[in-house]
Amino acid sequence: FMSIETYSQKTTAFSKEYLDLWERAADYTIEVVRAMPEEYYNYRPNEDTFTFSEQVAHIITNIYWLNSTYILNETSPIKDASFEDLDKEDLIKNFEEAVKYVTKSAESITDKEVASPIIFAGVIMDKRRIFYLIRDHLTHHRAQSIVYLRFIGIEPPDYRGW
């Protein structure tokens, strides 16, 4: 949780607006990922869904793809990485690195840059919307992961999204 001192040090209106929400979403997601016992990381509710591990890997790759492509305008640093055989702790470490990647972008982007137009899925929008898309996508897959926990009888961590 971001301290008042840290919040006050953010230099742009956007970073003040976004970073606390991002850090809370990331912390909550890590709690959900930690709550699943490693022996259930290959669990999937049916054959048409991701395994729990694939949910986490998908979150990671999406974070890198959106941030690198649409915020930083660079090639993803994990472009050729595979997360298929990673254990629980390695997935968590990779998720934490992905979170840092977005945090660094949000800390350093200027208000002018965050308002600059881009085209995503055929729609003209600004980079601010991409940051919120990253968080929304994370929330979507975290929610699916929470359902997986419930399916195997594990009480998920308490919600705190404010």
C-alpha atoms as a PDB file:
ATOM      1  CA  PHE A   1       0.000   0.000   0.000  1.00  0.00           C
ATOM      2  CA  MET A   2       1.377   3.365  -1.066  1.00  0.00           C
ATOM      3  CA  SER A   3       2.236   5.781   1.730  1.00  0.00           C
ATOM      4  CA  ILE A   4       1.025   9.386   1.750  1.00  0.00           C
ATOM      5  CA  GLU A   5       4.654  10.436   1.348  1.00  0.00           C
ATOM      6  CA  THR A   6       5.113   8.268  -1.764  1.00  0.00           C
ATOM      7  CA  TYR A   7       1.782   9.453  -3.172  1.00  0.00           C
ATOM      8  CA  SER A   8       2.832  13.079  -2.733  1.00  0.00           C
ATOM      9  CA  GLN A   9       6.114  12.452  -4.574  1.00  0.00           C
ATOM     10  CA  LYS A  10       4.416  11.337  -7.801  1.00  0.00           C
ATOM     11  CA  THR A  11       5.162  13.971 -10.385  1.00  0.00           C
ATOM     12  CA  THR A  12       2.247  13.717 -12.767  1.00  0.00           C
ATOM     13  CA  ALA A  13      -1.492  13.829 -12.331  1.00  0.00           C
ATOM     14  CA  PHE A  14      -1.712  10.482 -14.087  1.00  0.00           C
ATOM     15  CA  SER A  15       0.778   8.695 -11.815  1.00  0.00           C
ATOM     16  CA  LYS A  16      -1.078  10.019  -8.756  1.00  0.00           C
ATOM     17  CA  GLU A  17      -4.323   8.737 -10.249  1.00  0.00           C
ATOM     18  CA  TYR A  18      -3.105   5.344 -11.436  1.00  0.00           C
ATOM     19  CA  LEU A  19      -0.264   3.947  -9.364  1.00  0.00           C
ATOM     20  CA  ASP A  20      -2.057   3.378  -6.080  1.00  0.00           C
ATOM     21  CA  LEU A  21      -4.838   1.515  -7.899  1.00  0.00           C
ATOM     22  CA  TRP A  22      -2.293  -0.499  -9.877  1.00  0.00           C
ATOM     23  CA  GLU A  23      -0.296  -1.480  -6.797  1.00  0.00           C
ATOM     24  CA  ARG A  24      -3.435  -2.575  -4.936  1.00  0.00           C
ATOM     25  CA  ALA A  25      -4.620  -4.626  -7.921  1.00  0.00           C
ATOM     26  CA  ALA A  26      -1.214  -6.279  -8.218  1.00  0.00           C
ATOM     27  CA  ASP A  27      -0.960  -7.043  -4.496  1.00  0.00           C
ATOM     28  CA  TYR A  28      -4.438  -8.538  -4.466  1.00  0.00           C
ATOM     29  CA  THR A  29      -3.628 -10.640  -7.535  1.00  0.00           C
ATOM     30  CA  ILE A  30      -0.469 -11.998  -5.893  1.00  0.00           C
ATOM     31  CA  GLU A  31      -2.558 -12.992  -2.873  1.00  0.00           C
ATOM     32  CA  VAL A  32      -4.947 -14.890  -5.162  1.00  0.00           C
ATOM     33  CA  VAL A  33      -2.069 -16.590  -6.993  1.00  0.00           C
ATOM     34  CA  ARG A  34      -0.434 -17.565  -3.679  1.00  0.00           C
ATOM     35  CA  ALA A  35      -3.727 -18.941  -2.333  1.00  0.00           C
ATOM     36  CA  MET A  36      -3.834 -21.700  -4.954  1.00  0.00           C
ATOM     37  CA  PRO A  37      -1.830 -24.737  -3.809  1.00  0.00           C
ATOM     38  CA  GLU A  38       0.833 -25.614  -6.360  1.00  0.00           C
ATOM     39  CA  GLU A  39      -0.639 -29.082  -6.870  1.00  0.00           C
ATOM     40  CA  TYR A  40      -3.706 -27.361  -8.392  1.00  0.00           C
ATOM     41  CA  TYR A  41      -1.813 -25.135 -10.819  1.00  0.00           C
ATOM     42  CA  ASN A  42      -2.816 -27.470 -13.667  1.00  0.00           C
ATOM     43  CA  TYR A  43      -6.483 -27.386 -12.603  1.00  0.00           C
ATOM     44  CA  ARG A  44      -9.026 -26.204 -15.171  1.00  0.00           C
ATOM     45  CA  PRO A  45     -12.804 -26.234 -14.670  1.00  0.00           C
ATOM     46  CA  ASN A  46     -13.353 -27.722 -18.148  1.00  0.00           C
ATOM     47  CA  GLU A  47     -11.361 -28.499 -21.256  1.00  0.00           C
ATOM     48  CA  ASP A  48     -12.164 -25.170 -22.929  1.00  0.00           C
ATOM     49  CA  THR A  49     -10.543 -23.010 -20.235  1.00  0.00           C
ATOM     50  CA  PHE A  50      -7.046 -22.065 -19.159  1.00  0.00           C
ATOM     51  CA  THR A  51      -5.431 -23.977 -16.343  1.00  0.00           C
ATOM     52  CA  PHE A  52      -4.786 -21.853 -13.264  1.00  0.00           C
ATOM     53  CA  SER A  53      -1.125 -21.624 -14.303  1.00  0.00           C
ATOM     54  CA  GLU A  54      -2.125 -20.558 -17.809  1.00  0.00           C
ATOM     55  CA  GLN A  55      -4.336 -17.817 -16.322  1.00  0.00           C
ATOM     56  CA  VAL A  56      -1.303 -16.383 -14.522  1.00  0.00           C
ATOM     57  CA  ALA A  57       0.955 -16.748 -17.569  1.00  0.00           C
ATOM     58  CA  HIS A  58      -1.675 -15.030 -19.730  1.00  0.00           C
ATOM     59  CA  ILE A  59      -1.840 -12.085 -17.327  1.00  0.00           C
ATOM     60  CA  ILE A  60       1.956 -11.761 -17.451  1.00  0.00           C
ATOM     61  CA  THR A  61       2.244 -11.888 -21.232  1.00  0.00           C
ATOM     62  CA  ASN A  62      -0.645  -9.452 -21.698  1.00  0.00           C
ATOM     63  CA  ILE A  63       0.915  -6.941 -19.296  1.00  0.00           C
ATOM     64  CA  TYR A  64       4.202  -7.022 -21.209  1.00  0.00           C
ATOM     65  CA  TRP A  65       2.519  -6.904 -24.622  1.00  0.00           C
ATOM     66  CA  LEU A  66       0.266  -3.928 -23.881  1.00  0.00           C
ATOM     67  CA  ASN A  67       2.922  -1.951 -22.006  1.00  0.00           C
ATOM     68  CA  SER A  68       5.709  -2.541 -24.514  1.00  0.00           C
ATOM     69  CA  THR A  69       3.639  -2.150 -27.677  1.00  0.00           C
ATOM     70  CA  TYR A  70       1.250   0.657 -26.786  1.00  0.00           C
ATOM     71  CA  ILE A  71       2.897   2.586 -23.949  1.00  0.00           C
ATOM     72  CA  LEU A  72       6.622   2.287 -24.651  1.00  0.00           C
ATOM     73  CA  ASN A  73       6.504   1.623 -28.404  1.00  0.00           C
ATOM     74  CA  GLU A  74       9.127  -1.124 -28.162  1.00  0.00           C
ATOM     75  CA  THR A  75       9.423  -4.882 -28.560  1.00  0.00           C
ATOM     76  CA  SER A  76       8.275  -6.877 -25.558  1.00  0.00           C
ATOM     77  CA  PRO A  77      11.223  -7.930 -23.388  1.00  0.00           C
ATOM     78  CA  ILE A  78       9.580 -11.354 -22.977  1.00  0.00           C
ATOM     79  CA  LYS A  79       8.645 -11.756 -26.649  1.00  0.00           C
ATOM     80  CA  ASP A  80      10.014 -15.296 -26.927  1.00  0.00           C
ATOM     81  CA  ALA A  81       9.580 -16.364 -23.303  1.00  0.00           C
ATOM     82  CA  SER A  82       7.639 -19.469 -22.343  1.00  0.00           C
ATOM     83  CA  PHE A  83       5.821 -19.799 -19.037  1.00  0.00           C
ATOM     84  CA  GLU A  84       4.521 -23.334 -19.613  1.00  0.00           C
ATOM     85  CA  ASP A  85       6.842 -25.201 -17.258  1.00  0.00           C
ATOM     86  CA  LEU A  86       7.263 -22.626 -14.504  1.00  0.00           C
ATOM     87  CA  ASP A  87       6.452 -23.570 -10.940  1.00  0.00           C
ATOM     88  CA  LYS A  88       4.343 -21.435  -8.618  1.00  0.00           C
ATOM     89  CA  GLU A  89       7.202 -19.322  -7.235  1.00  0.00           C
ATOM     90  CA  ASP A  90       8.669 -18.659 -10.683  1.00  0.00           C
ATOM     91  CA  LEU A  91       5.270 -17.564 -11.988  1.00  0.00           C
ATOM     92  CA  ILE A  92       4.900 -15.231  -9.013  1.00  0.00           C
ATOM     93  CA  LYS A  93       8.387 -13.777  -9.622  1.00  0.00           C
ATOM     94  CA  ASN A  94       7.550 -13.214 -13.291  1.00  0.00           C
ATOM     95  CA  PHE A  95       4.245 -11.590 -12.354  1.00  0.00           C
ATOM     96  CA  GLU A  96       6.058  -9.272  -9.921  1.00  0.00           C
ATOM     97  CA  GLU A  97       8.500  -8.285 -12.685  1.00  0.00           C
ATOM     98  CA  ALA A  98       5.597  -7.554 -15.034  1.00  0.00           C
ATOM     99  CA  VAL A  99       4.031  -5.342 -12.369  1.00  0.00           C
ATOM    100  CA  LYS A 100       7.326  -3.449 -11.976  1.00  0.00           C
ATOM    101  CA  TYR A 101       7.478  -2.991 -15.753  1.00  0.00           C
ATOM    102  CA  VAL A 102       4.115  -1.180 -15.768  1.00  0.00           C
ATOM    103  CA  THR A 103       4.901   0.690 -12.546  1.00  0.00           C
ATOM    104  CA  LYS A 104       8.085   2.090 -14.085  1.00  0.00           C
ATOM    105  CA  SER A 105       6.153   3.196 -17.173  1.00  0.00           C
ATOM    106  CA  ALA A 106       3.432   4.854 -15.113  1.00  0.00           C
ATOM    107  CA  GLU A 107       5.993   6.601 -12.897  1.00  0.00           C
ATOM    108  CA  SER A 108       7.964   8.023 -15.791  1.00  0.00           C
ATOM    109  CA  ILE A 109       5.282   8.931 -18.329  1.00  0.00           C
ATOM    110  CA  THR A 110       4.456  12.614 -18.618  1.00  0.00           C
ATOM    111  CA  ASP A 111       0.915  13.930 -18.676  1.00  0.00           C
ATOM    112  CA  LYS A 112       1.473  14.929 -22.307  1.00  0.00           C
ATOM    113  CA  GLU A 113       2.688  11.418 -23.249  1.00  0.00           C
ATOM    114  CA  VAL A 114      -0.166   9.668 -21.439  1.00  0.00           C
ATOM    115  CA  ALA A 115      -2.635  11.818 -23.394  1.00  0.00           C
ATOM    116  CA  SER A 116      -1.008  11.101 -26.757  1.00  0.00           C
ATOM    117  CA  PRO A 117      -3.233   9.272 -29.252  1.00  0.00           C
ATOM    118  CA  ILE A 118      -2.689   5.688 -30.335  1.00  0.00           C
ATOM    119  CA  ILE A 119      -4.765   3.182 -32.281  1.00  0.00           C
ATOM    120  CA  PHE A 120      -5.796   0.035 -30.436  1.00  0.00           C
ATOM    121  CA  ALA A 121      -8.163  -2.538 -31.957  1.00  0.00           C
ATOM    122  CA  GLY A 122      -9.122  -0.014 -34.642  1.00  0.00           C
ATOM    123  CA  VAL A 123     -10.066   2.646 -32.078  1.00  0.00           C
ATOM    124  CA  ILE A 124      -8.242   5.928 -31.509  1.00  0.00           C
ATOM    125  CA  MET A 125      -7.574   6.400 -27.809  1.00  0.00           C
ATOM    126  CA  ASP A 126      -4.864   7.706 -25.524  1.00  0.00           C
ATOM    127  CA  LYS A 127      -2.231   5.802 -23.571  1.00  0.00           C
ATOM    128  CA  ARG A 128      -4.153   6.411 -20.338  1.00  0.00           C
ATOM    129  CA  ARG A 129      -6.794   3.984 -21.608  1.00  0.00           C
ATOM    130  CA  ILE A 130      -4.126   1.359 -22.281  1.00  0.00           C
ATOM    131  CA  PHE A 131      -2.945   1.588 -18.668  1.00  0.00           C
ATOM    132  CA  TYR A 132      -6.533   1.051 -17.529  1.00  0.00           C
ATOM    133  CA  LEU A 133      -6.936  -1.781 -20.036  1.00  0.00           C
ATOM    134  CA  ILE A 134      -3.901  -3.482 -18.470  1.00  0.00           C
ATOM    135  CA  ARG A 135      -5.539  -3.222 -15.055  1.00  0.00           C
ATOM    136  CA  ASP A 136      -8.951  -4.285 -16.333  1.00  0.00           C
ATOM    137  CA  HIS A 137      -7.512  -7.350 -18.071  1.00  0.00           C
ATOM    138  CA  LEU A 138      -5.641  -8.263 -14.882  1.00  0.00           C
ATOM    139  CA  THR A 139      -8.913  -7.934 -12.936  1.00  0.00           C
ATOM    140  CA  HIS A 140     -10.785 -10.099 -15.449  1.00  0.00           C
ATOM    141  CA  HIS A 141      -8.338 -12.999 -15.183  1.00  0.00           C
ATOM    142  CA  ARG A 142      -7.891 -12.590 -11.433  1.00  0.00           C
ATOM    143  CA  ALA A 143     -11.666 -12.969 -11.103  1.00  0.00           C
ATOM    144  CA  GLN A 144     -11.550 -16.173 -13.129  1.00  0.00           C
ATOM    145  CA  SER A 145      -8.746 -17.392 -10.868  1.00  0.00           C
ATOM    146  CA  ILE A 146     -10.873 -16.638  -7.800  1.00  0.00           C
ATOM    147  CA  VAL A 147     -13.606 -18.843  -9.259  1.00  0.00           C
ATOM    148  CA  TYR A 148     -11.033 -21.632  -9.658  1.00  0.00           C
ATOM    149  CA  LEU A 149     -10.144 -21.287  -5.977  1.00  0.00           C
ATOM    150  CA  ARG A 150     -13.819 -21.560  -5.025  1.00  0.00           C
ATOM    151  CA  PHE A 151     -14.316 -24.607  -7.262  1.00  0.00           C
ATOM    152  CA  ILE A 152     -11.678 -26.516  -5.295  1.00  0.00           C
ATOM    153  CA  GLY A 153     -12.982 -25.290  -1.949  1.00  0.00           C
ATOM    154  CA  ILE A 154     -10.462 -22.562  -1.096  1.00  0.00           C
ATOM    155  CA  GLU A 155     -11.692 -19.288   0.372  1.00  0.00           C
ATOM    156  CA  PRO A 156     -10.118 -16.501  -1.725  1.00  0.00           C
ATOM    157  CA  PRO A 157      -8.408 -13.490  -0.130  1.00  0.00           C
ATOM    158  CA  ASP A 158     -10.731 -10.668   0.868  1.00  0.00           C
ATOM    159  CA  TYR A 159     -11.459  -8.145  -1.860  1.00  0.00           C
ATOM    160  CA  ARG A 160      -9.948  -4.687  -1.599  1.00  0.00           C
ATOM    161  CA  GLY A 161     -10.109  -2.753  -4.830  1.00  0.00           C
ATOM    162  CA  TRP A 162     -10.453   0.830  -3.744  1.00  0.00           C
END
